[in-house]
């Protein structure tokens, strides 16, 4: 069950990303908040005091690499399981070995790759052995541990968040791979154009593995093109270097993968950015995040529902038509479907982003709710109560109620509608934006007339 986690990195046909995998902290790209003099992960590894850890971050940011570096530096026995390939049976075998090692005085580290793939029952099986110290857990996950790791296990681990690797550092890794004769492509004497290098780094979305995979494919394409050119010109193959061009990289990538998970962290990040862009009246950003979601396969009706909520929460009476537009958009999509359904969604997103904004009705409800929580259910004024029976009329229900339509302007200046304890409260405070400016002026007149 134990394995030498570096042996396979030296196989002749291993992918470039595997061959270039860092073997020390000094070689790790990015993660400067964790790695370096005085930084938490470096200090733990140097002291050989590894607690149970969850590495959380996007693909290609170094989660497995860091686990392997710990394997090479720690004095503990190191065990490795993949949550994709292993289950409770394999875990039991590891635990059996770990107990024997513990009796011999050795510590045991278990690395569970992609721990979010294990269900609750499988994670429950791991918990007691972490709790009693049989193993120290290192888990890696691309998903938010708050959602994917059970609470008791999460409370016994230290979560380290790994960030996407900056493009500048990815460029350094790619350049190093091109020149490394032992593990990289140095022996092939391959050069790369600046714009091609930039495109690899930017299109990687912070994923070093993706960048190296792209480089490897682009290098093969460049080499094939060089050989084809020399063959067509009946030239002898020489050590003349291949050159990776922007066209080679574009051919290697084909289509940029979108970093988006409909069930995980990035789902919430992008929908949050979408809502905040509309709220901030930026239709350009709004339509960008809309496209991000739709192109990544998000449910369009989920987006449409969020826009219906937004129309009432953030636009409201500043543009009373906004909620009608949002409802019409949702119905239009339901009628049209994809692939054309993005058209009404884009219209709605840009309309809402461009509309005047008000959260006055939203805040009115929140403020009224706060009073209810503070004062409870105060008695409704008797003159407003319904009186369907003789007994209720005798109790004064509905007595002296003034019918607004019988008065000038359909307004009764001296009528009270709130409970006595809340008399004079103004929950709805319309803004000066859009149509709400008209509402604000009307309410100002009515409220002044209603004052005693």
Protein backbone atom coordinates (compact mmCIF):
# COMPACT_ATOMS: atom_id res chain seq x y z
CA UNK A 1 0.00 0.00 0.00
CA UNK A 2 2.95 2.28 0.63
CA UNK A 3 4.59 3.58 -2.56
CA UNK A 4 7.62 5.56 -3.63
CA UNK A 5 5.80 8.54 -4.99
CA UNK A 6 8.73 9.74 -7.08
CA UNK A 7 9.68 6.55 -8.96
CA UNK A 8 7.10 6.88 -11.71
CA UNK A 9 8.13 10.50 -12.36
CA UNK A 10 11.33 9.21 -14.01
CA UNK A 11 9.71 6.82 -16.45
CA UNK A 12 10.75 7.69 -19.97
CA UNK A 13 7.23 8.15 -21.28
CA UNK A 14 5.79 10.03 -18.31
CA UNK A 15 3.96 13.23 -19.30
CA UNK A 16 6.00 16.43 -19.16
CA UNK A 17 3.90 17.75 -16.26
CA UNK A 18 4.76 14.65 -14.24
CA UNK A 19 8.46 14.77 -15.10
CA UNK A 20 8.64 18.44 -14.11
CA UNK A 21 6.80 17.98 -10.82
CA UNK A 22 8.70 19.85 -8.06
CA UNK A 23 10.60 17.72 -5.55
CA UNK A 24 11.34 20.47 -3.04
CA UNK A 25 9.54 23.53 -1.72
CA UNK A 26 12.01 25.79 -3.54
CA UNK A 27 10.75 24.45 -6.87
CA UNK A 28 7.03 25.00 -6.15
CA UNK A 29 5.44 27.78 -8.21
CA UNK A 30 3.09 30.16 -6.44
CA UNK A 31 1.68 29.74 -2.93
CA UNK A 32 3.99 32.39 -1.46
CA UNK A 33 1.47 32.84 1.37
CA UNK A 34 2.29 29.30 2.54
CA UNK A 35 5.81 28.62 1.34
CA UNK A 36 8.99 30.49 2.19
CA UNK A 37 10.97 31.62 5.25
CA UNK A 38 8.63 32.03 8.20
CA UNK A 39 5.60 30.82 6.23
CA UNK A 40 3.32 28.24 7.88
CA UNK A 41 3.78 25.23 5.61
CA UNK A 42 7.53 25.61 5.35
CA UNK A 43 7.79 25.86 9.13
CA UNK A 44 5.73 22.69 9.67
CA UNK A 45 7.74 20.68 7.15
CA UNK A 46 11.07 21.91 8.49
CA UNK A 47 10.01 20.99 12.02
CA UNK A 48 8.59 17.63 10.88
CA UNK A 49 5.42 18.37 12.87
CA UNK A 50 2.73 17.71 10.30
CA UNK A 51 -0.86 18.00 11.56
CA UNK A 52 -3.82 16.63 9.65
CA UNK A 53 -4.20 18.88 6.61
CA UNK A 54 -6.64 19.55 3.78
CA UNK A 55 -5.13 21.19 0.71
CA UNK A 56 -7.93 23.03 -1.09
CA UNK A 57 -7.41 24.72 -4.42
CA UNK A 58 -8.06 24.62 -8.16
CA UNK A 59 -6.43 21.96 -10.35
CA UNK A 60 -2.73 22.27 -11.02
CA UNK A 61 -1.86 24.45 -8.04
CA UNK A 62 0.35 21.95 -6.20
CA UNK A 63 -1.85 19.95 -3.83
CA UNK A 64 -0.47 16.53 -4.75
CA UNK A 65 3.01 17.98 -5.19
CA UNK A 66 3.06 19.30 -1.64
CA UNK A 67 1.88 15.95 -0.33
CA UNK A 68 4.74 14.26 -2.18
CA UNK A 69 7.26 16.75 -0.83
CA UNK A 70 6.04 16.01 2.68
CA UNK A 71 6.45 12.31 1.86
CA UNK A 72 10.08 12.93 0.98
CA UNK A 73 10.82 15.07 4.03
CA UNK A 74 8.89 13.48 6.86
CA UNK A 75 10.12 10.66 9.06
CA UNK A 76 6.64 9.18 9.11
CA UNK A 77 5.50 6.16 7.07
CA UNK A 78 3.63 7.56 4.05
CA UNK A 79 0.51 5.91 2.57
CA UNK A 80 -1.32 7.08 -0.55
CA UNK A 81 -4.94 6.49 -1.57
CA UNK A 82 -6.89 7.94 -4.46
CA UNK A 83 -10.52 8.59 -3.51
CA UNK A 84 -11.43 7.93 -7.15
CA UNK A 85 -9.97 4.42 -7.15
CA UNK A 86 -10.09 3.38 -3.47
CA UNK A 87 -12.79 2.81 -0.91
CA UNK A 88 -13.29 1.52 2.62
CA UNK A 89 -11.61 -1.82 1.90
CA UNK A 90 -8.37 -0.15 0.83
CA UNK A 91 -8.61 2.23 3.80
CA UNK A 92 -8.90 -0.70 6.20
CA UNK A 93 -5.73 -2.23 4.75
CA UNK A 94 -3.87 1.05 5.28
CA UNK A 95 -5.15 1.32 8.85
CA UNK A 96 -4.01 -2.23 9.59
CA UNK A 97 -0.49 -1.37 8.38
CA UNK A 98 -0.55 1.95 10.24
CA UNK A 99 -1.42 0.28 13.53
CA UNK A 100 1.51 -2.11 13.16
CA UNK A 101 3.84 0.78 12.35
CA UNK A 102 2.51 2.75 15.31
CA UNK A 103 3.25 -0.14 17.67
CA UNK A 104 6.80 -0.03 16.34
CA UNK A 105 6.96 3.66 17.25
CA UNK A 106 6.49 5.14 13.79
CA UNK A 107 4.10 7.91 12.78
CA UNK A 108 1.84 7.36 9.77
CA UNK A 109 0.66 9.88 7.17
CA UNK A 110 -2.21 8.99 4.85
CA UNK A 111 -2.62 11.08 1.72
CA UNK A 112 -6.14 10.90 0.25
CA UNK A 113 -6.16 12.46 -3.20
CA UNK A 114 -9.49 14.07 -4.19
CA UNK A 115 -11.00 13.38 -0.79
CA UNK A 116 -14.24 15.09 -1.84
CA UNK A 117 -14.96 11.99 -3.97
CA UNK A 118 -15.53 9.97 -0.81
CA UNK A 119 -19.10 9.98 0.46
CA UNK A 120 -20.12 10.57 4.07
CA UNK A 121 -19.90 6.89 5.03
CA UNK A 122 -16.39 6.60 3.63
CA UNK A 123 -15.26 9.76 5.41
CA UNK A 124 -16.89 8.50 8.63
CA UNK A 125 -14.73 5.37 8.35
CA UNK A 126 -11.63 7.58 8.32
CA UNK A 127 -12.62 9.78 11.26
CA UNK A 128 -11.84 7.56 14.31
CA UNK A 129 -8.34 6.78 13.06
CA UNK A 130 -7.56 10.48 12.63
CA UNK A 131 -9.07 11.15 16.01
CA UNK A 132 -7.03 8.53 17.89
CA UNK A 133 -3.77 9.41 16.12
CA UNK A 134 -3.36 6.17 14.17
CA UNK A 135 -2.85 8.30 11.07
CA UNK A 136 -2.20 11.91 10.22
CA UNK A 137 -4.43 12.81 7.28
CA UNK A 138 -3.42 14.87 4.26
CA UNK A 139 -6.32 15.34 1.88
CA UNK A 140 -6.49 17.21 -1.40
CA UNK A 141 -9.65 18.66 -2.90
CA UNK A 142 -10.75 21.04 -5.62
CA UNK A 143 -14.09 21.52 -3.85
CA UNK A 144 -14.92 23.75 -0.89
CA UNK A 145 -14.24 21.56 2.18
CA UNK A 146 -17.13 23.24 3.99
CA UNK A 147 -19.47 21.49 1.56
CA UNK A 148 -17.58 18.30 0.74
CA UNK A 149 -15.79 17.21 3.94
CA UNK A 150 -17.85 16.09 6.93
CA UNK A 151 -17.83 18.49 9.87
CA UNK A 152 -16.16 16.22 12.46
CA UNK A 153 -13.30 15.45 10.07
CA UNK A 154 -12.96 19.08 9.01
CA UNK A 155 -12.73 20.18 12.65
CA UNK A 156 -9.71 17.91 13.14
CA UNK A 157 -7.76 19.22 10.15
CA UNK A 158 -6.01 22.42 9.17
CA UNK A 159 -7.22 23.72 5.81
CA UNK A 160 -4.63 25.37 3.58
CA UNK A 161 -6.04 27.24 0.59
CA UNK A 162 -3.92 27.06 -2.56
CA UNK A 163 -4.33 29.91 -5.01
CA UNK A 164 -4.16 29.80 -8.83
CA UNK A 165 -0.54 30.23 -9.87
CA UNK A 166 0.17 33.71 -11.32
CA UNK A 167 0.79 33.83 -15.08
CA UNK A 168 4.31 35.23 -14.55
CA UNK A 169 5.29 32.18 -12.49
CA UNK A 170 3.70 29.82 -15.00
CA UNK A 171 5.86 31.43 -17.70
CA UNK A 172 8.92 30.66 -15.57
CA UNK A 173 7.86 27.01 -15.22
CA UNK A 174 7.26 26.68 -18.98
CA UNK A 175 10.61 28.30 -19.77
CA UNK A 176 12.36 25.99 -17.33
CA UNK A 177 10.70 22.95 -18.93
CA UNK A 178 11.94 24.07 -22.35
CA UNK A 179 15.54 24.28 -21.15
CA UNK A 180 15.72 21.33 -18.72
CA UNK A 181 17.67 18.59 -20.52
CA UNK A 182 17.12 15.97 -17.79
CA UNK A 183 13.38 16.16 -17.13
CA UNK A 184 12.10 18.62 -19.70
CA UNK A 185 12.42 19.34 -23.42
CA UNK A 186 15.92 20.82 -23.39
CA UNK A 187 17.45 18.03 -25.48
CA UNK A 188 14.99 18.82 -28.29
CA UNK A 189 16.33 22.37 -28.67
CA UNK A 190 12.89 23.97 -28.88
CA UNK A 191 12.38 27.74 -28.84
CA UNK A 192 9.11 29.57 -28.28
CA UNK A 193 7.75 32.89 -29.50
CA UNK A 194 6.92 35.45 -26.83
CA UNK A 195 3.25 35.65 -27.79
CA UNK A 196 2.98 31.86 -27.67
CA UNK A 197 4.54 31.78 -24.20
CA UNK A 198 2.17 34.51 -23.02
CA UNK A 199 -0.84 32.65 -24.39
CA UNK A 200 0.13 29.40 -22.66
CA UNK A 201 0.50 31.21 -19.33
CA UNK A 202 -2.73 33.19 -19.63
CA UNK A 203 -4.88 30.34 -20.94
CA UNK A 204 -3.74 28.03 -18.14
CA UNK A 205 -6.03 29.85 -15.65
CA UNK A 206 -3.47 29.38 -12.88
CA UNK A 207 -3.06 25.64 -13.58
CA UNK A 208 0.61 24.66 -13.99
CA UNK A 209 -0.23 21.15 -15.15
CA UNK A 210 -2.47 22.50 -17.90
CA UNK A 211 0.29 24.84 -19.06
CA UNK A 212 2.84 22.02 -19.26
CA UNK A 213 0.40 19.73 -21.07
CA UNK A 214 -0.24 22.50 -23.59
CA UNK A 215 3.50 23.05 -24.00
CA UNK A 216 4.11 19.36 -24.63
CA UNK A 217 1.44 19.17 -27.35
CA UNK A 218 2.54 22.45 -28.94
CA UNK A 219 6.16 21.22 -28.98
CA UNK A 220 5.10 18.03 -30.78
CA UNK A 221 3.17 20.10 -33.33
CA UNK A 222 6.13 22.40 -33.89
CA UNK A 223 8.48 19.43 -34.30
CA UNK A 224 6.12 17.75 -36.78
CA UNK A 225 5.88 20.97 -38.77
CA UNK A 226 9.68 21.28 -38.90
CA UNK A 227 10.11 17.70 -40.08
CA UNK A 228 7.38 18.12 -42.68
CA UNK A 229 9.01 21.28 -44.02
CA UNK A 230 12.42 19.67 -44.24
CA UNK A 231 11.00 16.56 -45.90
CA UNK A 232 9.11 18.62 -48.49
CA UNK A 233 12.32 20.47 -49.31
CA UNK A 234 14.26 17.19 -49.42
CA UNK A 235 16.54 18.45 -46.65
CA UNK A 236 18.51 16.33 -44.21
CA UNK A 237 17.12 16.42 -40.66
CA UNK A 238 19.56 18.37 -38.52
CA UNK A 239 19.76 19.75 -35.02
CA UNK A 240 18.09 22.94 -36.19
CA UNK A 241 15.70 23.97 -33.40
CA UNK A 242 11.93 23.80 -33.61
CA UNK A 243 10.03 26.98 -32.78
CA UNK A 244 6.65 27.00 -31.03
CA UNK A 245 4.41 29.68 -32.51
CA UNK A 246 1.13 31.15 -31.35
CA UNK A 247 -0.61 29.03 -33.98
CA UNK A 248 0.92 25.87 -32.46
CA UNK A 249 -0.41 26.80 -29.02
CA UNK A 250 -3.86 27.65 -30.38
CA UNK A 251 -3.95 24.28 -32.13
CA UNK A 252 -2.84 22.55 -28.93
CA UNK A 253 -5.50 24.21 -26.79
CA UNK A 254 -8.32 24.02 -29.34
CA UNK A 255 -10.74 25.62 -26.92
CA UNK A 256 -9.95 27.15 -23.57
CA UNK A 257 -11.37 25.15 -20.67
CA UNK A 258 -13.55 27.20 -18.35
CA UNK A 259 -12.86 27.04 -14.62
CA UNK A 260 -16.41 26.53 -13.36
CA UNK A 261 -18.07 23.94 -11.17
CA UNK A 262 -21.85 24.05 -11.07
CA UNK A 263 -21.94 22.57 -7.58
CA UNK A 264 -18.90 24.06 -5.96
CA UNK A 265 -17.06 27.20 -5.01
CA UNK A 266 -16.68 28.70 -8.48
CA UNK A 267 -20.43 28.44 -9.04
CA UNK A 268 -21.02 30.77 -6.11
CA UNK A 269 -18.14 33.06 -7.09
CA UNK A 270 -19.41 33.67 -10.63
CA UNK A 271 -23.09 34.09 -9.77
CA UNK A 272 -22.03 36.52 -7.02
CA UNK A 273 -19.97 38.52 -9.52
CA UNK A 274 -22.92 38.48 -11.94
CA UNK A 275 -25.36 39.86 -9.36
CA UNK A 276 -22.90 42.47 -8.07
CA UNK A 277 -22.12 43.62 -11.61
CA UNK A 278 -25.82 44.23 -12.30
CA UNK A 279 -26.21 45.93 -8.93
CA UNK A 280 -23.21 48.11 -9.75
CA UNK A 281 -24.83 49.12 -13.08
CA UNK A 282 -22.12 47.54 -15.26
CA UNK A 283 -23.87 45.77 -18.16
CA UNK A 284 -20.52 44.81 -19.72
CA UNK A 285 -19.39 42.85 -16.65
CA UNK A 286 -22.89 41.41 -16.22
CA UNK A 287 -23.03 39.97 -19.74
CA UNK A 288 -19.46 38.65 -19.35
CA UNK A 289 -20.36 36.65 -16.23
CA UNK A 290 -23.61 35.54 -17.88
CA UNK A 291 -21.56 34.15 -20.77
CA UNK A 292 -19.12 32.52 -18.30
CA UNK A 293 -21.99 30.64 -16.70
CA UNK A 294 -23.84 29.62 -19.86
CA UNK A 295 -20.72 28.55 -21.77
CA UNK A 296 -19.67 26.41 -18.80
CA UNK A 297 -23.02 24.61 -18.79
CA UNK A 298 -24.88 26.37 -15.96
CA UNK A 299 -28.64 25.82 -15.89
CA UNK A 300 -30.05 28.89 -17.73
CA UNK A 301 -33.26 28.78 -15.69
CA UNK A 302 -31.19 29.15 -12.52
CA UNK A 303 -29.74 32.36 -13.98
CA UNK A 304 -33.21 33.54 -15.04
CA UNK A 305 -34.61 32.96 -11.55
CA UNK A 306 -31.77 34.97 -10.03
CA UNK A 307 -32.59 37.86 -12.36
CA UNK A 308 -36.27 37.77 -11.30
CA UNK A 309 -35.16 38.07 -7.67
CA UNK A 310 -32.72 40.83 -8.58
CA UNK A 311 -35.41 42.81 -10.41
CA UNK A 312 -37.43 43.13 -7.19
CA UNK A 313 -34.57 43.27 -4.70
CA UNK A 314 -32.23 45.73 -6.43
CA UNK A 315 -34.28 47.59 -9.06
CA UNK A 316 -37.74 47.46 -7.53
CA UNK A 317 -39.90 50.56 -7.94
CA UNK A 318 -37.11 52.62 -9.45
CA UNK A 319 -38.20 50.77 -12.61
CA UNK A 320 -41.41 48.82 -11.99
CA UNK A 321 -41.09 47.28 -15.46
CA UNK A 322 -37.90 45.45 -14.45
CA UNK A 323 -39.67 42.53 -12.81
CA UNK A 324 -41.95 42.24 -15.85
CA UNK A 325 -38.89 42.09 -18.10
CA UNK A 326 -37.32 39.43 -15.88
CA UNK A 327 -40.47 37.29 -15.83
CA UNK A 328 -40.84 37.68 -19.60
CA UNK A 329 -37.18 36.64 -20.00
CA UNK A 330 -37.71 33.50 -17.94
CA UNK A 331 -40.84 32.61 -19.91
CA UNK A 332 -39.08 33.37 -23.20
CA UNK A 333 -36.24 31.05 -22.36
CA UNK A 334 -38.66 28.34 -21.29
CA UNK A 335 -40.41 28.70 -24.66
CA UNK A 336 -37.31 29.03 -26.87
CA UNK A 337 -34.72 26.89 -25.06
CA UNK A 338 -31.11 26.58 -26.14
CA UNK A 339 -29.15 27.30 -28.26
CA UNK A 340 -30.97 30.62 -28.86
CA UNK A 341 -32.16 31.01 -25.27
CA UNK A 342 -29.10 33.07 -24.35
CA UNK A 343 -30.53 35.97 -26.38
CA UNK A 344 -33.41 36.91 -23.99
CA UNK A 345 -31.12 36.20 -21.03
CA UNK A 346 -28.57 38.68 -22.36
CA UNK A 347 -31.29 41.26 -22.99
CA UNK A 348 -32.56 40.91 -19.42
CA UNK A 349 -29.10 41.07 -17.85
CA UNK A 350 -28.17 44.24 -19.72
CA UNK A 351 -31.59 45.80 -19.00
CA UNK A 352 -31.34 45.15 -15.27
CA UNK A 353 -27.74 46.36 -15.12
CA UNK A 354 -28.71 49.56 -16.94
CA UNK A 355 -31.87 50.23 -14.91
CA UNK A 356 -32.07 52.74 -12.03
CA UNK A 357 -31.54 50.96 -8.73
CA UNK A 358 -33.40 50.86 -5.43
CA UNK A 359 -33.49 48.35 -2.59
CA UNK A 360 -36.07 50.45 -0.68
CA UNK A 361 -38.85 47.85 -0.83
CA UNK A 362 -36.39 45.11 0.18
CA UNK A 363 -35.20 47.17 3.16
CA UNK A 364 -38.78 48.13 4.06
CA UNK A 365 -39.59 44.46 4.58
CA UNK A 366 -36.38 43.83 6.53
CA UNK A 367 -37.09 46.78 8.83
CA UNK A 368 -40.70 45.69 9.38
CA UNK A 369 -39.47 42.18 10.16
CA UNK A 370 -37.03 43.61 12.72
CA UNK A 371 -39.91 45.36 14.52
CA UNK A 372 -41.93 42.15 14.51
CA UNK A 373 -39.00 40.29 16.06
CA UNK A 374 -38.61 43.02 18.69
CA UNK A 375 -42.26 43.72 19.56
CA UNK A 376 -43.97 40.46 18.60
CA UNK A 377 -47.38 40.42 16.95
CA UNK A 378 -48.90 43.71 18.06
CA UNK A 379 -52.70 44.01 18.04
CA UNK A 380 -54.19 45.14 14.75
CA UNK A 381 -56.15 48.42 15.21
CA UNK A 382 -59.82 47.50 15.69
CA UNK A 383 -61.10 49.82 12.99
CA UNK A 384 -59.09 47.82 10.42
CA UNK A 385 -60.35 44.42 11.49
CA UNK A 386 -62.86 42.44 9.51
CA UNK A 387 -66.30 42.11 11.15
CA UNK A 388 -68.21 39.27 9.44
CA UNK A 389 -70.38 38.46 12.53
CA UNK A 390 -72.69 40.46 14.79
CA UNK A 391 -70.59 39.60 17.83
CA UNK A 392 -67.44 40.99 16.19
CA UNK A 393 -69.24 44.20 15.30
CA UNK A 394 -70.36 44.51 18.90
CA UNK A 395 -66.72 44.20 19.93
CA UNK A 396 -65.91 47.25 17.80
CA UNK A 397 -64.31 45.45 14.86
CA UNK A 398 -64.36 47.71 11.81
CA UNK A 399 -65.95 50.59 13.72
CA UNK A 400 -65.27 54.08 12.28
CA UNK A 401 -63.20 52.70 9.40
CA UNK A 402 -62.90 55.35 6.69
CA UNK A 403 -63.13 54.16 3.10
CA UNK A 404 -60.34 55.93 1.19
CA UNK A 405 -62.26 56.20 -2.07
CA UNK A 406 -64.87 58.36 -0.39
CA UNK A 407 -62.29 61.09 0.26
CA UNK A 408 -60.64 63.69 -1.93
CA UNK A 409 -57.60 62.30 -3.68
CA UNK A 410 -58.59 58.86 -2.35
CA UNK A 411 -56.61 59.63 0.78
CA UNK A 412 -57.68 59.83 4.45
CA UNK A 413 -55.33 62.21 6.33
CA UNK A 414 -56.26 61.19 9.86
CA UNK A 415 -56.52 57.41 9.46
CA UNK A 416 -54.03 55.18 11.33
CA UNK A 417 -53.04 51.82 9.86
CA UNK A 418 -50.06 50.67 11.94
CA UNK A 419 -50.47 49.31 15.49
CA UNK A 420 -50.38 52.02 18.16
CA UNK A 421 -46.86 51.10 19.31
CA UNK A 422 -45.52 51.59 15.79
CA UNK A 423 -47.41 54.75 14.92
CA UNK A 424 -45.32 57.02 12.71
CA UNK A 425 -42.93 54.31 11.54
CA UNK A 426 -41.69 54.77 7.94
CA UNK A 427 -40.36 51.47 6.63
CA UNK A 428 -40.48 52.29 2.93
CA UNK A 429 -38.09 55.09 2.06
CA UNK A 430 -38.03 55.47 -1.73
CA UNK A 431 -34.93 56.79 -3.41
CA UNK A 432 -34.62 59.60 -5.92
CA UNK A 433 -33.80 57.11 -8.70
CA UNK A 434 -36.03 56.50 -11.69
CA UNK A 435 -39.76 56.23 -11.13
CA UNK A 436 -39.20 55.99 -7.38
CA UNK A 437 -38.57 59.74 -7.37
CA UNK A 438 -42.24 60.18 -8.27
CA UNK A 439 -43.26 57.75 -5.53
CA UNK A 440 -41.05 59.55 -3.02
CA UNK A 441 -42.72 62.91 -3.72
CA UNK A 442 -46.22 61.42 -3.43
CA UNK A 443 -45.39 59.74 -0.12
CA UNK A 444 -43.81 62.93 1.20
CA UNK A 445 -47.12 64.77 0.67
CA UNK A 446 -49.23 62.00 2.16
CA UNK A 447 -47.00 61.54 5.19
CA UNK A 448 -47.01 65.26 5.93
CA UNK A 449 -50.81 65.32 5.73
CA UNK A 450 -51.04 62.29 8.00
CA UNK A 451 -48.99 63.87 10.80
CA UNK A 452 -51.09 64.97 13.82
